[in-house]
Amino acid sequence: MQLNSIEDIGRHHRHIYLAPHFDDAVMSCGGSIAFQRMAGPQVLAITIFGSAGKSGSALTPFATQLQRETGLGSTAEEAIARRKEEDAAACNLLDADYLWLDFPDALYRGYNSREALFGAIDRADLSIEEQVAAIVLEIQSRAPMSVIYAPLGVGHHVDHQIVCSAADRLAQQKVNVKFYEDFPYVAAAGALEDRQRELGLRMEPELCEVSVQIPTKIEAISLYRSQVPQLYGTQERMRQMVEGYHGSIRKQYPGIKIERFWRW
């Protein structure tokens, strides 16, 4: 079910996923979401950067190119509308509630190359981090018994870094925050270790077996039709990457698929 505002969040939401973009919660944690819903508690996926920014703003050449590659139309508004349709379909498949916030995606905030998009956070965006942190605190106050899940920032996308940093403020206050491995970026050799070294924190892993839920996760990811070709190449390659990575976490037990979270 779609929520219209933060005010719709309640104590019945026991698992709350913070997704920088429309697909991040499902791609990274779709198995855990399916498992949690099977067990009963209500799950909520919140997309932080769910806006195109000012209506009618001209796209940068980089944004135009990226939208052309993903078939998302010629305007930012068309792209956001399409991605919302995909996210709604995936969340409905997983029986998760979803909420879209209106912070503009980095693609529409002036990050005009892949190097910039996966590089350092622009100083102008530090205020966004503060705003996101305040919103996350409000979310936690409305659902104080919930577990908050946030991206670890593997892959270094600036929006993932911002949400990770905002959630870290709660983690430092001993709020129940778990950090998920950003998929598919985490599947790259050494990417997880690079991010852990960068953060410089002592982390403890927490494992969730999702062997039974992996087919559902794959089906949900496949609904992000604009993103699968760019991130995986083909649907079959996506399936192989999902099964391969989640099977590699406990590879001494063939057939066991795991999604891993980190605490500090």
C-alpha atoms as a PDB file:
ATOM      1  CA  MET A   1       0.000   0.000   0.000  1.00  0.00           C
ATOM      2  CA  GLN A   2       1.255   3.474  -0.821  1.00  0.00           C
ATOM      3  CA  LEU A   3       1.624   5.923   2.066  1.00  0.00           C
ATOM      4  CA  ASN A   4       1.064   9.579   1.304  1.00  0.00           C
ATOM      5  CA  SER A   5       3.253  11.124   4.007  1.00  0.00           C
ATOM      6  CA  ILE A   6       5.415  10.424   7.024  1.00  0.00           C
ATOM      7  CA  GLU A   7       2.338  10.991   9.158  1.00  0.00           C
ATOM      8  CA  ASP A   8       0.958   7.677   7.837  1.00  0.00           C
ATOM      9  CA  ILE A   9       3.820   5.740   9.469  1.00  0.00           C
ATOM     10  CA  GLY A  10       2.736   3.947  12.610  1.00  0.00           C
ATOM     11  CA  ARG A  11       3.769   1.492  15.282  1.00  0.00           C
ATOM     12  CA  HIS A  12       2.626  -1.406  13.099  1.00  0.00           C
ATOM     13  CA  HIS A  13       5.584  -0.736  10.786  1.00  0.00           C
ATOM     14  CA  ARG A  14       8.201  -2.974  12.385  1.00  0.00           C
ATOM     15  CA  HIS A  15      10.758  -3.037   9.558  1.00  0.00           C
ATOM     16  CA  ILE A  16      11.524   0.247   7.765  1.00  0.00           C
ATOM     17  CA  TYR A  17      13.906   0.316   4.816  1.00  0.00           C
ATOM     18  CA  LEU A  18      15.523   3.569   3.717  1.00  0.00           C
ATOM     19  CA  ALA A  19      16.182   3.401  -0.019  1.00  0.00           C
ATOM     20  CA  PRO A  20      18.146   6.164  -1.721  1.00  0.00           C
ATOM     21  CA  HIS A  21      16.371   5.325  -4.991  1.00  0.00           C
ATOM     22  CA  PHE A  22      13.236   3.464  -6.002  1.00  0.00           C
ATOM     23  CA  ASP A  23      14.889   0.069  -6.483  1.00  0.00           C
ATOM     24  CA  ASP A  24      17.473  -0.077  -3.704  1.00  0.00           C
ATOM     25  CA  ALA A  25      15.441  -1.710  -0.919  1.00  0.00           C
ATOM     26  CA  VAL A  26      14.157  -4.478  -3.186  1.00  0.00           C
ATOM     27  CA  MET A  27      17.454  -5.138  -4.962  1.00  0.00           C
ATOM     28  CA  SER A  28      19.435  -5.221  -1.728  1.00  0.00           C
ATOM     29  CA  CYS A  29      16.907  -6.678   0.730  1.00  0.00           C
ATOM     30  CA  GLY A  30      14.053  -8.190  -1.260  1.00  0.00           C
ATOM     31  CA  GLY A  31      14.574 -11.604   0.295  1.00  0.00           C
ATOM     32  CA  SER A  32      14.460 -10.247   3.836  1.00  0.00           C
ATOM     33  CA  ILE A  33      11.372  -8.176   3.052  1.00  0.00           C
ATOM     34  CA  ALA A  34       9.592 -11.265   1.699  1.00  0.00           C
ATOM     35  CA  PHE A  35      10.685 -13.284   4.748  1.00  0.00           C
ATOM     36  CA  GLN A  36       9.480 -10.600   7.169  1.00  0.00           C
ATOM     37  CA  ARG A  37       6.100 -10.317   5.492  1.00  0.00           C
ATOM     38  CA  MET A  38       5.729 -14.099   5.583  1.00  0.00           C
ATOM     39  CA  ALA A  39       6.337 -13.900   9.341  1.00  0.00           C
ATOM     40  CA  GLY A  40       3.673 -11.219   9.724  1.00  0.00           C
ATOM     41  CA  PRO A  41       5.163  -7.811  10.676  1.00  0.00           C
ATOM     42  CA  GLN A  42       4.462  -4.903   8.349  1.00  0.00           C
ATOM     43  CA  VAL A  43       7.353  -3.671   6.204  1.00  0.00           C
ATOM     44  CA  LEU A  44       7.774  -0.155   4.827  1.00  0.00           C
ATOM     45  CA  ALA A  45      10.166   0.900   2.054  1.00  0.00           C
ATOM     46  CA  ILE A  46      10.881   4.635   1.916  1.00  0.00           C
ATOM     47  CA  THR A  47      12.525   6.116  -1.166  1.00  0.00           C
ATOM     48  CA  ILE A  48      14.449   9.228  -0.102  1.00  0.00           C
ATOM     49  CA  PHE A  49      15.425  10.714  -3.472  1.00  0.00           C
ATOM     50  CA  GLY A  50      12.054  10.309  -5.174  1.00  0.00           C
ATOM     51  CA  SER A  51      11.811  13.611  -7.042  1.00  0.00           C
ATOM     52  CA  ALA A  52      13.021  15.271 -10.221  1.00  0.00           C
ATOM     53  CA  GLY A  53      13.455  18.611  -8.500  1.00  0.00           C
ATOM     54  CA  LYS A  54      12.002  21.804  -9.986  1.00  0.00           C
ATOM     55  CA  SER A  55       9.378  21.073 -12.620  1.00  0.00           C
ATOM     56  CA  GLY A  56      10.473  21.898 -16.151  1.00  0.00           C
ATOM     57  CA  SER A  57      14.185  22.147 -15.343  1.00  0.00           C
ATOM     58  CA  ALA A  58      16.423  21.292 -18.284  1.00  0.00           C
ATOM     59  CA  LEU A  59      18.334  18.034 -18.075  1.00  0.00           C
ATOM     60  CA  THR A  60      22.124  18.026 -18.174  1.00  0.00           C
ATOM     61  CA  PRO A  61      23.690  16.176 -21.122  1.00  0.00           C
ATOM     62  CA  PHE A  62      24.678  13.388 -18.740  1.00  0.00           C
ATOM     63  CA  ALA A  63      21.134  13.029 -17.387  1.00  0.00           C
ATOM     64  CA  THR A  64      19.753  13.057 -20.933  1.00  0.00           C
ATOM     65  CA  GLN A  65      22.181  10.310 -21.945  1.00  0.00           C
ATOM     66  CA  LEU A  66      21.392   8.170 -18.909  1.00  0.00           C
ATOM     67  CA  GLN A  67      17.652   8.483 -19.412  1.00  0.00           C
ATOM     68  CA  ARG A  68      18.053   7.555 -23.057  1.00  0.00           C
ATOM     69  CA  GLU A  69      20.069   4.471 -22.085  1.00  0.00           C
ATOM     70  CA  THR A  70      17.379   3.329 -19.670  1.00  0.00           C
ATOM     71  CA  GLY A  71      14.419   4.235 -21.897  1.00  0.00           C
ATOM     72  CA  LEU A  72      12.972   6.578 -19.284  1.00  0.00           C
ATOM     73  CA  GLY A  73      11.846   9.371 -21.598  1.00  0.00           C
ATOM     74  CA  SER A  74      13.052  12.831 -22.459  1.00  0.00           C
ATOM     75  CA  THR A  75      12.105  14.646 -19.243  1.00  0.00           C
ATOM     76  CA  ALA A  76      12.906  14.105 -15.585  1.00  0.00           C
ATOM     77  CA  GLU A  77       9.192  14.012 -14.774  1.00  0.00           C
ATOM     78  CA  GLU A  78       8.644  11.146 -17.227  1.00  0.00           C
ATOM     79  CA  ALA A  79      11.551   9.232 -15.711  1.00  0.00           C
ATOM     80  CA  ILE A  80      10.340   9.641 -12.130  1.00  0.00           C
ATOM     81  CA  ALA A  81       6.784   8.624 -13.068  1.00  0.00           C
ATOM     82  CA  ARG A  82       8.041   5.468 -14.788  1.00  0.00           C
ATOM     83  CA  ARG A  83      10.270   4.546 -11.887  1.00  0.00           C
ATOM     84  CA  LYS A  84       7.422   5.032  -9.426  1.00  0.00           C
ATOM     85  CA  GLU A  85       5.292   2.628 -11.459  1.00  0.00           C
ATOM     86  CA  GLU A  86       8.072   0.038 -11.317  1.00  0.00           C
ATOM     87  CA  ASP A  87       8.605   0.497  -7.586  1.00  0.00           C
ATOM     88  CA  ALA A  88       4.903   0.226  -6.805  1.00  0.00           C
ATOM     89  CA  ALA A  89       4.703  -3.041  -8.743  1.00  0.00           C
ATOM     90  CA  ALA A  90       7.727  -4.505  -6.933  1.00  0.00           C
ATOM     91  CA  CYS A  91       6.568  -3.430  -3.462  1.00  0.00           C
ATOM     92  CA  ASN A  92       3.064  -4.745  -4.117  1.00  0.00           C
ATOM     93  CA  LEU A  93       4.543  -8.076  -5.161  1.00  0.00           C
ATOM     94  CA  LEU A  94       6.421  -8.226  -1.839  1.00  0.00           C
ATOM     95  CA  ASP A  95       3.334  -6.969   0.053  1.00  0.00           C
ATOM     96  CA  ALA A  96       5.324  -4.060   1.493  1.00  0.00           C
ATOM     97  CA  ASP A  97       4.055  -0.549   2.147  1.00  0.00           C
ATOM     98  CA  TYR A  98       5.961   2.189   0.347  1.00  0.00           C
ATOM     99  CA  LEU A  99       6.480   5.933   0.648  1.00  0.00           C
ATOM    100  CA  TRP A 100       8.216   8.284  -1.782  1.00  0.00           C
ATOM    101  CA  LEU A 101       9.901  11.402  -0.403  1.00  0.00           C
ATOM    102  CA  ASP A 102      10.626  14.404  -2.604  1.00  0.00           C
ATOM    103  CA  PHE A 103      14.353  15.006  -2.355  1.00  0.00           C
ATOM    104  CA  PRO A 104      15.683  15.323  -5.931  1.00  0.00           C
ATOM    105  CA  ASP A 105      17.840  12.505  -7.268  1.00  0.00           C
ATOM    106  CA  ALA A 106      21.546  13.358  -7.642  1.00  0.00           C
ATOM    107  CA  LEU A 107      21.088  13.059 -11.394  1.00  0.00           C
ATOM    108  CA  TYR A 108      18.962  16.216 -11.169  1.00  0.00           C
ATOM    109  CA  ARG A 109      21.168  18.039  -8.631  1.00  0.00           C
ATOM    110  CA  GLY A 110      24.070  18.769 -10.948  1.00  0.00           C
ATOM    111  CA  TYR A 111      26.168  15.588 -10.752  1.00  0.00           C
ATOM    112  CA  ASN A 112      27.030  15.553 -14.428  1.00  0.00           C
ATOM    113  CA  SER A 113      29.198  12.460 -14.928  1.00  0.00           C
ATOM    114  CA  ARG A 114      29.507   8.888 -13.674  1.00  0.00           C
ATOM    115  CA  GLU A 115      32.681   9.901 -11.852  1.00  0.00           C
ATOM    116  CA  ALA A 116      30.815  12.662 -10.009  1.00  0.00           C
ATOM    117  CA  LEU A 117      27.816  10.407  -9.280  1.00  0.00           C
ATOM    118  CA  PHE A 118      30.077   7.842  -7.616  1.00  0.00           C
ATOM    119  CA  GLY A 119      32.514  10.297  -6.075  1.00  0.00           C
ATOM    120  CA  ALA A 120      32.614  12.806  -3.248  1.00  0.00           C
ATOM    121  CA  ILE A 121      29.454  14.441  -1.927  1.00  0.00           C
ATOM    122  CA  ASP A 122      29.133  18.049  -3.082  1.00  0.00           C
ATOM    123  CA  ARG A 123      29.368  20.472  -0.163  1.00  0.00           C
ATOM    124  CA  ALA A 124      26.027  21.930  -1.211  1.00  0.00           C
ATOM    125  CA  ASP A 125      24.435  18.571  -0.367  1.00  0.00           C
ATOM    126  CA  LEU A 126      25.497  18.584   3.280  1.00  0.00           C
ATOM    127  CA  SER A 127      22.261  20.348   4.139  1.00  0.00           C
ATOM    128  CA  ILE A 128      20.348  17.503   2.487  1.00  0.00           C
ATOM    129  CA  GLU A 129      22.104  15.036   4.784  1.00  0.00           C
ATOM    130  CA  GLU A 130      20.954  17.074   7.793  1.00  0.00           C
ATOM    131  CA  GLN A 131      17.380  17.154   6.500  1.00  0.00           C
ATOM    132  CA  VAL A 132      17.361  13.418   5.840  1.00  0.00           C
ATOM    133  CA  ALA A 133      18.741  12.759   9.324  1.00  0.00           C
ATOM    134  CA  ALA A 134      15.933  14.840  10.845  1.00  0.00           C
ATOM    135  CA  ILE A 135      13.335  12.938   8.830  1.00  0.00           C
ATOM    136  CA  VAL A 136      14.795   9.574   9.825  1.00  0.00           C
ATOM    137  CA  LEU A 137      14.599  10.646  13.462  1.00  0.00           C
ATOM    138  CA  GLU A 138      10.934  11.576  12.986  1.00  0.00           C
ATOM    139  CA  ILE A 139      10.278   8.228  11.305  1.00  0.00           C
ATOM    140  CA  GLN A 140      11.812   6.415  14.253  1.00  0.00           C
ATOM    141  CA  SER A 141       9.727   8.441  16.696  1.00  0.00           C
ATOM    142  CA  ARG A 142       6.533   7.384  14.891  1.00  0.00           C
ATOM    143  CA  ALA A 143       7.556   3.733  14.914  1.00  0.00           C
ATOM    144  CA  PRO A 144       9.810   3.406  17.973  1.00  0.00           C
ATOM    145  CA  MET A 145       9.753  -0.405  17.979  1.00  0.00           C
ATOM    146  CA  SER A 146      10.860  -0.638  14.373  1.00  0.00           C
ATOM    147  CA  VAL A 147      14.186  -1.724  12.951  1.00  0.00           C
ATOM    148  CA  ILE A 148      15.613   0.870  10.555  1.00  0.00           C
ATOM    149  CA  TYR A 149      17.578  -0.454   7.569  1.00  0.00           C
ATOM    150  CA  ALA A 150      19.901   1.866   5.659  1.00  0.00           C
ATOM    151  CA  PRO A 151      22.459   1.448   2.852  1.00  0.00           C
ATOM    152  CA  LEU A 152      26.063   0.832   3.792  1.00  0.00           C
ATOM    153  CA  GLY A 153      27.142   2.931   0.819  1.00  0.00           C
ATOM    154  CA  VAL A 154      29.010   0.194  -1.045  1.00  0.00           C
ATOM    155  CA  GLY A 155      29.754   1.447  -4.553  1.00  0.00           C
ATOM    156  CA  HIS A 156      30.032   5.041  -3.339  1.00  0.00           C
ATOM    157  CA  HIS A 157      26.978   6.519  -5.073  1.00  0.00           C
ATOM    158  CA  VAL A 158      26.558   9.964  -3.533  1.00  0.00           C
ATOM    159  CA  ASP A 159      22.894   9.418  -2.638  1.00  0.00           C
ATOM    160  CA  HIS A 160      23.747   6.154  -0.890  1.00  0.00           C
ATOM    161  CA  GLN A 161      26.507   7.912   1.040  1.00  0.00           C
ATOM    162  CA  ILE A 162      24.105  10.632   2.176  1.00  0.00           C
ATOM    163  CA  VAL A 163      21.488   8.176   3.465  1.00  0.00           C
ATOM    164  CA  CYS A 164      24.170   6.061   5.148  1.00  0.00           C
ATOM    165  CA  SER A 165      25.582   9.111   6.927  1.00  0.00           C
ATOM    166  CA  ALA A 166      22.115  10.291   8.007  1.00  0.00           C
ATOM    167  CA  ALA A 167      21.266   6.846   9.433  1.00  0.00           C
ATOM    168  CA  ASP A 168      24.645   6.669  11.160  1.00  0.00           C
ATOM    169  CA  ARG A 169      23.557   9.577  13.341  1.00  0.00           C
ATOM    170  CA  LEU A 170      20.816   7.327  14.742  1.00  0.00           C
ATOM    171  CA  ALA A 171      23.146   4.353  15.060  1.00  0.00           C
ATOM    172  CA  GLN A 172      25.489   6.458  17.169  1.00  0.00           C
ATOM    173  CA  GLN A 173      22.522   7.148  19.479  1.00  0.00           C
ATOM    174  CA  LYS A 174      21.981   3.375  19.867  1.00  0.00           C
ATOM    175  CA  VAL A 175      18.814   3.386  17.762  1.00  0.00           C
ATOM    176  CA  ASN A 176      18.124  -0.041  16.212  1.00  0.00           C
ATOM    177  CA  VAL A 177      19.750   0.518  12.807  1.00  0.00           C
ATOM    178  CA  LYS A 178      21.077  -2.151  10.461  1.00  0.00           C
ATOM    179  CA  PHE A 179      23.075  -1.325   7.357  1.00  0.00           C
ATOM    180  CA  TYR A 180      22.447  -3.391   4.253  1.00  0.00           C
ATOM    181  CA  GLU A 181      24.846  -4.283   1.477  1.00  0.00           C
ATOM    182  CA  ASP A 182      24.059  -2.201  -1.604  1.00  0.00           C
ATOM    183  CA  PHE A 183      23.296  -4.667  -4.388  1.00  0.00           C
ATOM    184  CA  PRO A 184      24.487  -5.077  -7.107  1.00  0.00           C
ATOM    185  CA  TYR A 185      27.491  -2.856  -6.250  1.00  0.00           C
ATOM    186  CA  VAL A 186      28.512  -5.173  -3.414  1.00  0.00           C
ATOM    187  CA  ALA A 187      28.934  -8.040  -5.885  1.00  0.00           C
ATOM    188  CA  ALA A 188      32.076  -6.368  -7.319  1.00  0.00           C
ATOM    189  CA  ALA A 189      35.283  -7.905  -5.969  1.00  0.00           C
ATOM    190  CA  GLY A 190      36.627  -5.954  -2.991  1.00  0.00           C
ATOM    191  CA  ALA A 191      33.785  -3.378  -2.987  1.00  0.00           C
ATOM    192  CA  LEU A 192      32.513  -4.301   0.488  1.00  0.00           C
ATOM    193  CA  GLU A 193      35.967  -4.292   2.033  1.00  0.00           C
ATOM    194  CA  ASP A 194      36.772  -0.942   0.419  1.00  0.00           C
ATOM    195  CA  ARG A 195      33.692   0.640   1.965  1.00  0.00           C
ATOM    196  CA  GLN A 196      34.350  -0.881   5.367  1.00  0.00           C
ATOM    197  CA  ARG A 197      37.913   0.464   5.346  1.00  0.00           C
ATOM    198  CA  GLU A 198      36.630   3.877   4.297  1.00  0.00           C
ATOM    199  CA  LEU A 199      34.132   4.018   7.179  1.00  0.00           C
ATOM    200  CA  GLY A 200      36.748   2.788   9.657  1.00  0.00           C
ATOM    201  CA  LEU A 201      34.173   1.332  12.034  1.00  0.00           C
ATOM    202  CA  ARG A 202      34.096  -1.951  13.875  1.00  0.00           C
ATOM    203  CA  MET A 203      31.179  -3.805  12.308  1.00  0.00           C
ATOM    204  CA  GLU A 204      29.308  -6.938  13.323  1.00  0.00           C
ATOM    205  CA  PRO A 205      27.473  -8.960  10.666  1.00  0.00           C
ATOM    206  CA  GLU A 206      23.926 -10.203  10.989  1.00  0.00           C
ATOM    207  CA  LEU A 207      22.721 -12.883   8.581  1.00  0.00           C
ATOM    208  CA  CYS A 208      19.217 -13.545   7.270  1.00  0.00           C
ATOM    209  CA  GLU A 209      18.659 -16.787   5.357  1.00  0.00           C
ATOM    210  CA  VAL A 210      16.513 -16.092   2.304  1.00  0.00           C
ATOM    211  CA  SER A 211      16.931 -19.325   0.335  1.00  0.00           C
ATOM    212  CA  VAL A 212      13.180 -19.809  -0.039  1.00  0.00           C
ATOM    213  CA  GLN A 213      12.569 -16.134  -0.847  1.00  0.00           C
ATOM    214  CA  ILE A 214      15.222 -15.736  -3.573  1.00  0.00           C
ATOM    215  CA  PRO A 215      12.831 -16.550  -6.460  1.00  0.00           C
ATOM    216  CA  THR A 216      10.432 -13.885  -5.177  1.00  0.00           C
ATOM    217  CA  LYS A 217      13.278 -11.384  -4.889  1.00  0.00           C
ATOM    218  CA  ILE A 218      14.353 -12.113  -8.465  1.00  0.00           C
ATOM    219  CA  GLU A 219      10.778 -11.662  -9.688  1.00  0.00           C
ATOM    220  CA  ALA A 220      10.514  -8.336  -7.832  1.00  0.00           C
ATOM    221  CA  ILE A 221      13.810  -7.044  -9.240  1.00  0.00           C
ATOM    222  CA  SER A 222      12.691  -7.983 -12.747  1.00  0.00           C
ATOM    223  CA  LEU A 223       9.848  -5.457 -12.414  1.00  0.00           C
ATOM    224  CA  TYR A 224      12.391  -2.606 -12.487  1.00  0.00           C
ATOM    225  CA  ARG A 225      12.525  -2.974 -16.250  1.00  0.00           C
ATOM    226  CA  SER A 226      14.306   0.314 -16.845  1.00  0.00           C
ATOM    227  CA  GLN A 227      17.145  -0.602 -14.490  1.00  0.00           C
ATOM    228  CA  VAL A 228      17.856  -4.278 -15.146  1.00  0.00           C
ATOM    229  CA  PRO A 229      19.559  -3.778 -18.563  1.00  0.00           C
ATOM    230  CA  GLN A 230      21.796  -1.010 -17.207  1.00  0.00           C
ATOM    231  CA  LEU A 231      22.764  -2.772 -13.967  1.00  0.00           C
ATOM    232  CA  TYR A 232      22.855  -6.413 -15.066  1.00  0.00           C
ATOM    233  CA  GLY A 233      22.676  -6.598 -18.859  1.00  0.00           C
ATOM    234  CA  THR A 234      19.922  -9.219 -19.044  1.00  0.00           C
ATOM    235  CA  GLN A 235      17.294 -10.759 -16.791  1.00  0.00           C
ATOM    236  CA  GLU A 236      19.222 -14.038 -16.809  1.00  0.00           C
ATOM    237  CA  ARG A 237      22.431 -12.306 -15.779  1.00  0.00           C
ATOM    238  CA  MET A 238      20.511 -10.602 -12.963  1.00  0.00           C
ATOM    239  CA  ARG A 239      19.254 -13.974 -11.731  1.00  0.00           C
ATOM    240  CA  GLN A 240      22.785 -15.393 -11.825  1.00  0.00           C
ATOM    241  CA  MET A 241      24.204 -12.423  -9.892  1.00  0.00           C
ATOM    242  CA  VAL A 242      21.504 -12.585  -7.209  1.00  0.00           C
ATOM    243  CA  GLU A 243      21.865 -16.320  -6.699  1.00  0.00           C
ATOM    244  CA  GLY A 244      25.649 -16.194  -6.967  1.00  0.00           C
ATOM    245  CA  TYR A 245      26.257 -13.397  -4.495  1.00  0.00           C
ATOM    246  CA  HIS A 246      23.784 -14.468  -1.847  1.00  0.00           C
ATOM    247  CA  GLY A 247      25.034 -18.040  -2.188  1.00  0.00           C
ATOM    248  CA  SER A 248      28.652 -16.925  -1.707  1.00  0.00           C
ATOM    249  CA  ILE A 249      28.138 -15.495   1.795  1.00  0.00           C
ATOM    250  CA  ARG A 250      27.901 -18.994   3.311  1.00  0.00           C
ATOM    251  CA  LYS A 251      29.434 -20.924   0.434  1.00  0.00           C
ATOM    252  CA  GLN A 252      30.439 -23.774   2.750  1.00  0.00           C
ATOM    253  CA  TYR A 253      26.718 -24.614   2.779  1.00  0.00           C
ATOM    254  CA  PRO A 254      25.707 -25.121  -0.886  1.00  0.00           C
ATOM    255  CA  GLY A 255      22.206 -23.958  -1.679  1.00  0.00           C
ATOM    256  CA  ILE A 256      21.957 -21.605   1.290  1.00  0.00           C
ATOM    257  CA  LYS A 257      21.258 -17.996   0.282  1.00  0.00           C
ATOM    258  CA  ILE A 258      21.958 -15.147   2.702  1.00  0.00           C
ATOM    259  CA  GLU A 259      21.305 -11.418   2.879  1.00  0.00           C
ATOM    260  CA  ARG A 260      23.750  -9.754   5.245  1.00  0.00           C
ATOM    261  CA  PHE A 261      23.391  -6.667   7.398  1.00  0.00           C
ATOM    262  CA  TRP A 262      25.945  -4.813   9.500  1.00  0.00           C
ATOM    263  CA  ARG A 263      25.749  -3.101  12.879  1.00  0.00           C
ATOM    264  CA  TRP A 264      28.179  -0.850  14.735  1.00  0.00           C
END
